[in-house]
């Protein structure tokens, strides 16, 4: 995400505008700003969840045969003159 870097004068100008806001709006803004600076919580997965076995009713020979039969060699060889 791109960020905007403001100098002190720009921040002061924003504050003049924000100072005039009602209390409820200020509280909502504080909540949004706080949420925007909090680090996202990283969900850890167990190593075991990354691995599994292949579930298929076909045996390995059948799968290999189907893969080989699905290949098509349509490469054309061009003559260069």
N, C-alpha and C. Protein backbone atom coordinates (compact mmCIF):
# COMPACT_ATOMS: atom_id res chain seq x y z
N UNK A 1 0.84 -1.16 0.00
CA UNK A 1 0.00 0.00 0.00
C UNK A 1 0.90 1.23 0.00
N UNK A 2 0.54 2.23 -0.79
CA UNK A 2 1.30 3.47 -0.81
C UNK A 2 0.95 4.29 0.42
N UNK A 3 1.93 4.99 0.95
CA UNK A 3 1.70 5.82 2.12
C UNK A 3 1.99 7.27 1.79
N UNK A 4 1.41 8.15 2.59
CA UNK A 4 1.63 9.59 2.43
C UNK A 4 2.40 10.07 3.64
N UNK A 5 3.48 10.78 3.39
CA UNK A 5 4.30 11.31 4.46
C UNK A 5 4.00 12.81 4.57
N UNK A 6 3.47 13.24 5.71
CA UNK A 6 3.10 14.64 5.91
C UNK A 6 4.10 15.33 6.82
N UNK A 7 4.32 16.61 6.54
CA UNK A 7 5.17 17.38 7.44
C UNK A 7 4.33 17.96 8.58
N UNK A 8 4.97 18.59 9.55
CA UNK A 8 4.28 19.09 10.75
C UNK A 8 3.22 20.11 10.39
N UNK A 9 3.49 20.99 9.44
CA UNK A 9 2.53 22.03 9.06
C UNK A 9 1.26 21.40 8.49
N UNK A 10 1.41 20.40 7.64
CA UNK A 10 0.24 19.72 7.06
C UNK A 10 -0.57 19.03 8.14
N UNK A 11 0.10 18.40 9.08
CA UNK A 11 -0.59 17.73 10.18
C UNK A 11 -1.34 18.75 11.02
N UNK A 12 -0.72 19.90 11.28
CA UNK A 12 -1.39 20.96 12.04
C UNK A 12 -2.64 21.46 11.31
N UNK A 13 -2.54 21.57 9.99
CA UNK A 13 -3.71 22.00 9.20
C UNK A 13 -4.84 20.97 9.30
N UNK A 14 -4.50 19.70 9.26
CA UNK A 14 -5.52 18.66 9.43
C UNK A 14 -6.14 18.74 10.82
N UNK A 15 -5.31 18.98 11.80
CA UNK A 15 -5.81 19.02 13.17
C UNK A 15 -6.82 20.15 13.38
N UNK A 16 -6.60 21.30 12.75
CA UNK A 16 -7.55 22.41 12.85
C UNK A 16 -8.92 21.96 12.35
N UNK A 17 -8.94 21.23 11.27
CA UNK A 17 -10.20 20.71 10.74
C UNK A 17 -10.80 19.66 11.67
N UNK A 18 -9.97 18.75 12.14
CA UNK A 18 -10.44 17.65 12.98
C UNK A 18 -10.89 18.14 14.35
N UNK A 19 -10.30 19.22 14.83
CA UNK A 19 -10.64 19.75 16.14
C UNK A 19 -12.11 20.16 16.22
N UNK A 20 -12.67 20.56 15.09
CA UNK A 20 -14.06 21.03 15.05
C UNK A 20 -15.06 19.89 14.96
N UNK A 21 -14.60 18.67 14.85
CA UNK A 21 -15.51 17.53 14.73
C UNK A 21 -16.19 17.24 16.07
N UNK A 22 -17.38 16.63 15.99
CA UNK A 22 -18.06 16.25 17.22
C UNK A 22 -17.33 15.07 17.86
N UNK A 23 -17.62 14.83 19.14
CA UNK A 23 -16.91 13.82 19.92
C UNK A 23 -17.05 12.42 19.33
N UNK A 24 -18.25 12.06 18.90
CA UNK A 24 -18.47 10.72 18.35
C UNK A 24 -17.65 10.50 17.07
N UNK A 25 -17.60 11.50 16.22
CA UNK A 25 -16.81 11.40 15.00
C UNK A 25 -15.32 11.27 15.31
N UNK A 26 -14.87 12.02 16.32
CA UNK A 26 -13.46 11.92 16.73
C UNK A 26 -13.14 10.52 17.24
N UNK A 27 -14.05 9.95 18.03
CA UNK A 27 -13.82 8.60 18.55
C UNK A 27 -13.76 7.59 17.42
N UNK A 28 -14.66 7.70 16.46
CA UNK A 28 -14.64 6.79 15.31
C UNK A 28 -13.35 6.94 14.50
N UNK A 29 -12.90 8.16 14.35
CA UNK A 29 -11.64 8.40 13.64
C UNK A 29 -10.46 7.79 14.38
N UNK A 30 -10.45 7.95 15.72
CA UNK A 30 -9.38 7.36 16.53
C UNK A 30 -9.36 5.84 16.37
N UNK A 31 -10.53 5.22 16.37
CA UNK A 31 -10.62 3.76 16.20
C UNK A 31 -10.05 3.36 14.85
N UNK A 32 -10.46 4.07 13.78
CA UNK A 32 -9.97 3.75 12.43
C UNK A 32 -8.46 3.93 12.33
N UNK A 33 -7.95 5.02 12.88
CA UNK A 33 -6.51 5.27 12.83
C UNK A 33 -5.74 4.21 13.62
N UNK A 34 -6.27 3.84 14.77
CA UNK A 34 -5.62 2.81 15.59
C UNK A 34 -5.58 1.49 14.86
N UNK A 35 -6.69 1.13 14.22
CA UNK A 35 -6.74 -0.13 13.46
C UNK A 35 -5.76 -0.09 12.28
N UNK A 36 -5.55 1.08 11.70
CA UNK A 36 -4.68 1.17 10.53
C UNK A 36 -3.20 1.01 10.87
N UNK A 37 -2.83 1.23 12.16
CA UNK A 37 -1.42 1.10 12.51
C UNK A 37 -1.10 -0.20 13.24
N UNK A 38 -2.13 -0.96 13.59
CA UNK A 38 -1.88 -2.24 14.25
C UNK A 38 -1.36 -3.25 13.25
N UNK A 39 -0.42 -4.04 13.69
CA UNK A 39 0.14 -5.09 12.85
C UNK A 39 -0.91 -6.18 12.66
N UNK A 40 -1.05 -6.69 11.43
CA UNK A 40 -2.01 -7.77 11.22
C UNK A 40 -1.57 -9.03 11.97
N UNK A 41 -2.53 -9.71 12.54
CA UNK A 41 -2.22 -10.94 13.27
C UNK A 41 -1.97 -12.06 12.25
N UNK A 42 -0.85 -12.72 12.43
CA UNK A 42 -0.46 -13.80 11.53
C UNK A 42 -1.02 -15.11 12.08
N UNK A 43 -1.77 -15.76 11.23
CA UNK A 43 -2.31 -17.06 11.63
C UNK A 43 -1.27 -18.12 11.31
N UNK A 44 -0.84 -18.84 12.32
CA UNK A 44 0.16 -19.87 12.13
C UNK A 44 -0.53 -21.19 11.80
N UNK A 45 0.01 -21.85 10.81
CA UNK A 45 -0.49 -23.17 10.44
C UNK A 45 0.52 -24.20 10.90
N UNK A 46 0.01 -25.33 11.23
CA UNK A 46 0.94 -26.39 11.61
C UNK A 46 1.59 -26.95 10.35
N UNK A 47 2.78 -27.42 10.49
CA UNK A 47 3.50 -28.02 9.36
C UNK A 47 2.72 -29.19 8.79
N UNK A 48 2.05 -29.93 9.63
CA UNK A 48 1.30 -31.10 9.17
C UNK A 48 0.16 -30.71 8.24
N UNK A 49 -0.38 -29.49 8.38
CA UNK A 49 -1.49 -29.08 7.52
C UNK A 49 -1.04 -28.80 6.09
N UNK A 50 0.27 -28.67 5.88
CA UNK A 50 0.79 -28.39 4.54
C UNK A 50 1.00 -29.66 3.71
N UNK A 51 0.92 -30.81 4.33
CA UNK A 51 1.17 -32.05 3.64
C UNK A 51 -0.08 -32.93 3.66
N UNK A 52 -0.17 -33.79 2.70
CA UNK A 52 -1.30 -34.71 2.66
C UNK A 52 -1.04 -35.78 1.62
N UNK A 53 -1.94 -36.69 1.52
CA UNK A 53 -1.76 -37.72 0.52
C UNK A 53 -2.75 -37.51 -0.61
N UNK A 54 -2.41 -38.04 -1.75
CA UNK A 54 -3.23 -37.94 -2.94
C UNK A 54 -4.38 -38.90 -2.81
N UNK A 55 -5.59 -38.38 -2.95
CA UNK A 55 -6.77 -39.25 -2.82
C UNK A 55 -7.36 -39.45 -4.21
N UNK A 56 -7.23 -40.66 -4.70
CA UNK A 56 -7.73 -41.00 -6.02
C UNK A 56 -7.98 -42.50 -6.05
N UNK A 57 -9.05 -42.89 -6.71
CA UNK A 57 -9.40 -44.31 -6.77
C UNK A 57 -8.53 -45.06 -7.79
N UNK A 58 -7.90 -44.30 -8.69
CA UNK A 58 -7.08 -44.95 -9.72
C UNK A 58 -5.71 -45.33 -9.17
N UNK A 59 -5.13 -46.37 -9.74
CA UNK A 59 -3.78 -46.74 -9.33
C UNK A 59 -2.77 -45.88 -10.09
N UNK A 60 -1.52 -45.91 -9.67
CA UNK A 60 -0.50 -45.04 -10.25
C UNK A 60 -0.28 -45.32 -11.73
N UNK A 61 -0.34 -46.59 -12.14
CA UNK A 61 -0.13 -46.92 -13.55
C UNK A 61 -1.21 -46.29 -14.42
N UNK A 62 -2.44 -46.30 -13.96
CA UNK A 62 -3.54 -45.71 -14.72
C UNK A 62 -3.36 -44.20 -14.84
N UNK A 63 -2.95 -43.56 -13.76
CA UNK A 63 -2.74 -42.11 -13.79
C UNK A 63 -1.62 -41.75 -14.74
N UNK A 64 -0.52 -42.48 -14.69
CA UNK A 64 0.62 -42.23 -15.59
C UNK A 64 0.20 -42.41 -17.04
N UNK A 65 -0.56 -43.45 -17.33
CA UNK A 65 -1.03 -43.71 -18.69
C UNK A 65 -1.91 -42.56 -19.17
N UNK A 66 -2.81 -42.07 -18.32
CA UNK A 66 -3.69 -40.97 -18.70
C UNK A 66 -2.90 -39.69 -18.97
N UNK A 67 -1.88 -39.45 -18.18
CA UNK A 67 -1.05 -38.27 -18.40
C UNK A 67 -0.33 -38.36 -19.74
N UNK A 68 0.24 -39.52 -20.03
CA UNK A 68 0.95 -39.70 -21.30
C UNK A 68 0.02 -39.60 -22.49
N UNK A 69 -1.19 -40.13 -22.36
CA UNK A 69 -2.15 -40.07 -23.46
C UNK A 69 -2.70 -38.67 -23.68
N UNK A 70 -2.71 -37.87 -22.65
CA UNK A 70 -3.25 -36.51 -22.79
C UNK A 70 -2.25 -35.55 -23.43
N UNK A 71 -1.00 -35.94 -23.50
CA UNK A 71 0.01 -35.10 -24.13
C UNK A 71 -0.22 -35.08 -25.64
N UNK A 72 -0.01 -33.92 -26.21
CA UNK A 72 -0.07 -33.84 -27.66
C UNK A 72 1.14 -33.08 -28.16
N UNK A 73 1.76 -33.63 -29.15
CA UNK A 73 2.95 -33.05 -29.72
C UNK A 73 2.56 -32.40 -31.04
N UNK A 74 2.32 -31.13 -30.99
CA UNK A 74 1.90 -30.41 -32.20
C UNK A 74 2.96 -29.39 -32.62
N UNK A 75 4.18 -29.71 -32.29
CA UNK A 75 5.27 -28.81 -32.63
C UNK A 75 5.61 -28.97 -34.11
N UNK A 76 5.54 -27.87 -34.82
CA UNK A 76 5.88 -27.90 -36.25
C UNK A 76 7.34 -27.51 -36.42
N UNK A 77 8.02 -28.23 -37.27
CA UNK A 77 9.42 -27.90 -37.58
C UNK A 77 9.43 -27.13 -38.88
N UNK A 78 9.98 -25.94 -38.83
CA UNK A 78 9.99 -25.09 -39.99
C UNK A 78 11.31 -25.20 -40.72
N UNK A 79 11.24 -25.18 -42.04
CA UNK A 79 12.46 -25.18 -42.85
C UNK A 79 12.87 -23.74 -43.08
N UNK A 80 14.13 -23.47 -42.81
CA UNK A 80 14.65 -22.14 -43.05
C UNK A 80 15.44 -22.18 -44.35
N UNK A 81 15.15 -21.26 -45.20
CA UNK A 81 15.85 -21.23 -46.49
C UNK A 81 16.85 -20.14 -46.56
